[in-house]
Protein backbone atom coordinates (compact mmCIF):
# COMPACT_ATOMS: atom_id res chain seq x y z
CA MET A 1 18.89 -23.43 14.05
CA PHE A 2 16.39 -21.60 16.24
CA GLU A 3 16.15 -23.85 19.28
CA ASN A 4 15.13 -21.94 22.45
CA LYS A 5 14.27 -18.92 20.36
CA VAL A 6 10.90 -17.21 20.89
CA VAL A 7 9.46 -15.84 17.65
CA ILE A 8 6.48 -13.56 17.23
CA VAL A 9 4.67 -13.48 13.78
CA ASN A 10 2.18 -10.70 13.23
CA GLY A 11 -0.38 -12.25 10.83
CA GLY A 12 0.48 -15.92 10.92
CA THR A 13 -2.77 -17.62 9.77
CA ASP A 14 -2.46 -17.03 6.01
CA GLY A 15 0.03 -16.68 3.04
CA ILE A 16 3.61 -15.63 3.90
CA GLY A 17 3.00 -15.46 7.57
CA LYS A 18 1.59 -18.96 7.84
CA GLU A 19 4.56 -20.31 5.97
CA VAL A 20 6.93 -18.43 8.22
CA VAL A 21 5.36 -19.88 11.34
CA ARG A 22 5.74 -23.38 9.87
CA PHE A 23 9.35 -22.84 8.87
CA PHE A 24 10.39 -21.41 12.32
CA CYS A 25 8.68 -24.34 14.04
CA LYS A 26 10.45 -26.90 11.87
CA GLU A 27 13.73 -25.18 12.99
CA GLY A 28 12.97 -25.65 16.61
CA ALA A 29 11.55 -22.22 17.63
CA THR A 30 8.56 -21.49 19.74
CA VAL A 31 6.30 -19.30 17.76
CA HIS A 32 3.58 -16.96 19.10
CA PHE A 33 1.43 -15.71 16.19
CA THR A 34 -1.53 -13.42 15.85
CA GLY A 35 -4.43 -13.17 13.47
CA ARG A 36 -8.07 -12.46 13.21
CA ASP A 37 -9.50 -15.95 12.46
CA ARG A 38 -9.43 -18.37 15.41
CA THR A 39 -10.34 -21.35 13.12
CA LYS A 40 -7.35 -20.69 10.83
CA GLY A 41 -5.16 -20.11 13.88
CA SER A 42 -6.05 -23.43 15.41
CA GLN A 43 -5.33 -25.11 12.10
CA VAL A 44 -1.85 -23.66 12.01
CA GLU A 45 -1.26 -24.72 15.64
CA SER A 46 -2.31 -28.31 14.75
CA GLU A 47 0.29 -28.40 11.99
CA CYS A 48 3.17 -27.37 14.32
CA ASP A 49 3.37 -30.09 16.89
CA GLY A 50 2.75 -27.79 19.91
CA LYS A 51 5.40 -25.32 19.01
CA ALA A 52 3.02 -22.63 17.63
CA HIS A 53 0.56 -20.64 19.80
CA PHE A 54 -2.30 -18.60 18.30
CA TYR A 55 -3.57 -15.30 19.73
CA GLN A 56 -6.66 -13.62 18.28
CA VAL A 57 -5.62 -10.01 17.80
CA HIS A 58 -7.34 -7.30 15.58
CA ASN A 59 -4.40 -5.28 14.36
CA GLU A 60 -6.51 -2.05 13.95
CA ASN A 61 -6.83 -2.06 17.72
CA VAL A 62 -3.48 -1.16 19.36
CA GLU A 63 -4.82 -1.99 22.77
CA GLU A 64 -5.26 -5.61 21.65
CA ILE A 65 -1.59 -5.63 20.45
CA GLU A 66 -0.43 -4.27 23.76
CA SER A 67 -2.49 -6.91 25.59
CA PHE A 68 -0.85 -9.57 23.50
CA PHE A 69 2.59 -8.56 24.58
CA LYS A 70 1.52 -8.21 28.21
CA ALA A 71 0.26 -11.85 27.98
CA LEU A 72 3.65 -12.97 26.81
CA GLU A 73 5.41 -10.97 29.58
CA ASN A 74 3.15 -12.44 32.15
CA ASP A 75 4.04 -15.99 30.96
CA GLY A 76 7.75 -15.16 31.15
CA HIS A 77 8.55 -15.19 27.46
CA ASN A 78 11.36 -13.32 25.83
CA VAL A 79 11.06 -11.77 22.36
CA ASP A 80 13.92 -12.97 20.28
CA ILE A 81 12.58 -12.50 16.76
CA LEU A 82 9.66 -10.49 15.38
CA PHE A 83 8.34 -10.97 11.83
CA ASN A 84 6.02 -8.11 11.36
CA ASN A 85 3.88 -9.33 8.54
CA ALA A 86 0.16 -8.54 8.41
CA GLY A 87 -1.25 -6.07 5.99
CA ILE A 88 -4.27 -5.30 3.90
CA LEU A 89 -4.71 -4.14 0.27
CA SER A 90 -8.42 -4.25 -0.41
CA THR A 91 -9.12 -0.91 1.15
CA GLY A 92 -8.04 2.51 -0.12
CA MET A 93 -7.46 1.29 -3.65
CA GLY A 94 -7.58 3.74 -6.72
CA PRO A 95 -6.19 7.20 -7.08
CA LEU A 96 -6.08 9.43 -4.06
CA SER A 97 -8.92 11.56 -5.41
CA ARG A 98 -11.19 8.50 -4.89
CA VAL A 99 -9.95 7.22 -1.61
CA LYS A 100 -12.43 7.78 1.23
CA LEU A 101 -11.00 8.99 4.57
CA ASP A 102 -12.33 6.03 6.49
CA ASP A 103 -10.63 3.56 4.09
CA TRP A 104 -7.40 5.71 4.38
CA ASN A 105 -7.56 5.48 8.22
CA HIS A 106 -8.15 1.70 8.18
CA LEU A 107 -5.23 1.17 5.77
CA ILE A 108 -2.91 3.29 7.98
CA ALA A 109 -4.10 1.42 11.15
CA VAL A 110 -3.29 -1.95 9.84
CA ASN A 111 -0.35 -1.39 7.42
CA GLN A 112 1.49 1.25 9.44
CA THR A 113 0.33 1.76 13.06
CA ALA A 114 0.17 -1.93 13.81
CA ILE A 115 3.73 -2.31 12.46
CA PHE A 116 4.79 0.52 14.76
CA ALA A 117 3.05 -1.16 17.73
CA TYR A 118 4.63 -4.63 17.25
CA MET A 119 8.02 -2.95 16.84
CA LYS A 120 7.54 -0.74 19.99
CA TYR A 121 6.55 -3.59 22.29
CA SER A 122 9.10 -5.93 20.89
CA LEU A 123 11.91 -3.29 21.29
CA LEU A 124 10.95 -2.78 24.92
CA VAL A 125 11.73 -6.43 25.57
CA MET A 126 14.79 -6.66 23.22
CA SER A 127 16.36 -3.49 24.76
CA LYS A 128 16.56 -5.28 28.10
CA GLN A 129 17.83 -8.43 26.55
CA LYS A 130 20.47 -6.52 24.51
CA ASN A 131 19.66 -8.69 21.45
CA GLY A 132 16.91 -9.34 19.02
CA VAL A 133 15.96 -9.30 15.37
CA ILE A 134 13.01 -7.56 13.70
CA ILE A 135 11.97 -8.28 10.06
CA ASN A 136 9.25 -6.08 8.62
CA ASN A 137 7.23 -6.96 5.53
CA ALA A 138 7.08 -4.10 3.19
CA ALA A 139 6.51 -4.49 -0.60
CA ILE A 140 8.10 -3.56 -3.93
CA LEU A 141 5.18 -1.19 -4.35
CA GLY A 142 6.59 0.91 -1.52
CA ASN A 143 9.80 1.60 -3.32
CA ASP A 144 10.70 -0.24 -6.43
CA LYS A 145 7.54 -0.67 -8.52
CA VAL A 146 5.12 2.22 -8.76
CA ASN A 147 1.48 1.41 -9.35
CA PRO A 148 -0.71 4.39 -10.21
CA MET A 149 -3.78 2.80 -8.76
CA LEU A 150 -2.27 2.04 -5.34
CA PRO A 151 -0.84 5.30 -3.97
CA ALA A 152 -2.37 4.87 -0.48
CA TYR A 153 -1.08 1.27 -0.11
CA SER A 154 2.28 2.23 -1.50
CA GLY A 155 2.61 5.04 0.94
CA THR A 156 2.14 2.64 3.85
CA LYS A 157 4.77 0.31 2.62
CA ALA A 158 7.25 3.09 2.02
CA ALA A 159 6.72 4.16 5.66
CA VAL A 160 7.60 0.60 6.78
CA VAL A 161 10.95 0.85 4.89
CA ALA A 162 11.70 4.21 6.52
CA MET A 163 10.76 3.02 9.99
CA THR A 164 12.92 -0.02 9.49
CA GLN A 165 16.00 1.93 8.53
CA SER A 166 15.61 4.60 11.23
CA THR A 167 15.05 1.95 13.95
CA ALA A 168 17.99 -0.17 12.76
CA LEU A 169 20.31 2.85 13.11
CA ARG A 170 19.04 3.72 16.58
CA PHE A 171 19.37 0.17 18.08
CA ALA A 172 22.41 -1.07 16.17
CA ASN A 173 24.68 -0.72 19.26
CA GLN A 174 22.24 -2.63 21.46
CA GLY A 175 22.52 -5.94 19.68
CA ILE A 176 19.30 -5.51 17.82
CA ARG A 177 19.08 -5.80 13.95
CA VAL A 178 16.06 -4.48 12.01
CA ASN A 179 15.55 -5.29 8.31
CA CYS A 180 12.71 -5.50 5.93
CA ILE A 181 11.78 -7.59 3.00
CA SER A 182 9.94 -6.24 -0.08
CA PRO A 183 8.22 -9.11 -1.84
CA GLY A 184 6.96 -9.06 -5.39
CA PRO A 185 3.65 -10.65 -6.31
CA THR A 186 3.33 -13.77 -4.19
CA GLU A 187 0.66 -16.53 -4.39
CA THR A 188 -1.46 -15.48 -1.34
CA ASP A 189 -5.18 -14.85 -0.89
CA LEU A 190 -4.42 -11.19 -0.71
CA ALA A 191 -2.63 -11.11 -4.05
CA ILE A 192 -5.08 -13.37 -5.81
CA ASN A 193 -7.92 -11.24 -4.74
CA ALA A 194 -6.04 -8.07 -5.74
CA TYR A 195 -5.78 -9.52 -9.25
CA GLY A 196 -9.53 -10.28 -9.40
CA GLY A 197 -9.25 -14.01 -8.90
CA LYS A 198 -7.10 -17.08 -9.55
CA GLU A 199 -7.51 -17.16 -13.32
CA ASN A 200 -6.43 -13.58 -13.87
CA TYR A 201 -3.65 -13.93 -11.29
CA GLU A 202 -2.16 -16.89 -13.13
CA LYS A 203 -2.54 -15.19 -16.43
CA GLN A 204 -0.69 -12.02 -15.26
CA SER A 205 1.99 -14.19 -13.63
CA GLN A 206 3.02 -15.37 -17.14
CA GLY A 207 4.42 -11.88 -17.75
CA HIS A 208 7.01 -12.28 -14.90
CA PRO A 209 10.57 -12.65 -16.14
CA ARG A 210 10.64 -16.25 -14.99
CA GLY A 211 7.04 -16.89 -16.04
CA SER A 212 5.53 -17.27 -12.58
CA TYR A 213 5.01 -15.19 -9.49
CA GLY A 214 6.50 -16.11 -6.06
CA LYS A 215 5.48 -18.76 -3.58
CA PRO A 216 5.20 -18.08 0.13
CA SER A 217 7.87 -20.61 0.83
CA GLU A 218 10.35 -18.58 -1.20
CA ILE A 219 9.68 -15.49 0.99
CA ALA A 220 9.89 -17.51 4.17
CA GLU A 221 13.37 -18.78 3.30
CA VAL A 222 14.58 -15.11 3.20
CA VAL A 223 12.87 -14.28 6.46
CA LEU A 224 14.61 -17.17 8.25
CA PHE A 225 17.93 -16.23 6.82
CA LEU A 226 17.60 -12.62 7.95
CA ALA A 227 16.62 -13.92 11.41
CA SER A 228 19.60 -16.20 11.65
CA ASP A 229 23.13 -15.46 12.83
CA LYS A 230 24.23 -15.88 9.17
CA ALA A 231 22.82 -12.49 8.54
CA SER A 232 24.66 -10.81 11.51
CA TYR A 233 26.13 -8.10 9.32
CA ILE A 234 22.86 -7.16 7.62
CA ASN A 235 21.07 -4.30 9.33
CA GLY A 236 18.78 -1.56 8.03
CA ALA A 237 18.42 -3.27 4.68
CA GLU A 238 15.56 -3.61 2.37
CA ILE A 239 15.74 -6.99 0.70
CA VAL A 240 13.75 -7.09 -2.50
CA VAL A 241 12.46 -10.62 -3.03
CA ASP A 242 10.73 -10.63 -6.49
CA GLY A 243 12.63 -12.74 -8.90
CA GLY A 244 13.53 -9.68 -10.99
CA TYR A 245 9.93 -8.38 -11.37
CA SER A 246 10.73 -4.87 -10.48
CA LEU A 247 13.47 -4.71 -13.17
CA LYS A 248 10.87 -4.73 -15.92
């Protein structure tokens, strides 16, 4: 389905991002993915039969993101699809009255500024090509499911939804589609740690309408659909992927 397509995955060494890298490779794409951990990146590369290429990028450093895109340009790569995925939850937790400014700035840098930077540099290429697809990873906490202990995190995810919609409108007549997904709780290290460990995560998941939280593969399937030509009439949308969790 994605033969000869060049895909970028921001945060492809764990969880949803890792599964998306694998899925795109299975469908014939060449995937360039970023992350902090070189060991994890090499492991993902080894699972993808030479179709995935890891770049060590620290997303709080915009200069490193820019250098990543320059490396792709120097190697003559297009940018057909961007899955803008990486985010953090462990910093800036609690009510705003307890959030430290340094933690707030770190959260904004990774969850919002990095998303902006990957979009910016991808759009510079896509605008020349007159085609491309961007899929941003937001969260139901940014729109559909309010949590009183996560106002800072929720704010960054709401910003992702707004950036998605505004950018989609701006570039719709240039052959570029921009959508976002808002997953519910999904079995990733980030989510498990947020719940205080595997045991409590599994206990809490029993309260989901279907009796279990999501799997990364279930999110990856939606990402690939949005990236495909089957979704050609979907633009500026926030797709909630939570099995009905936000309806509670």
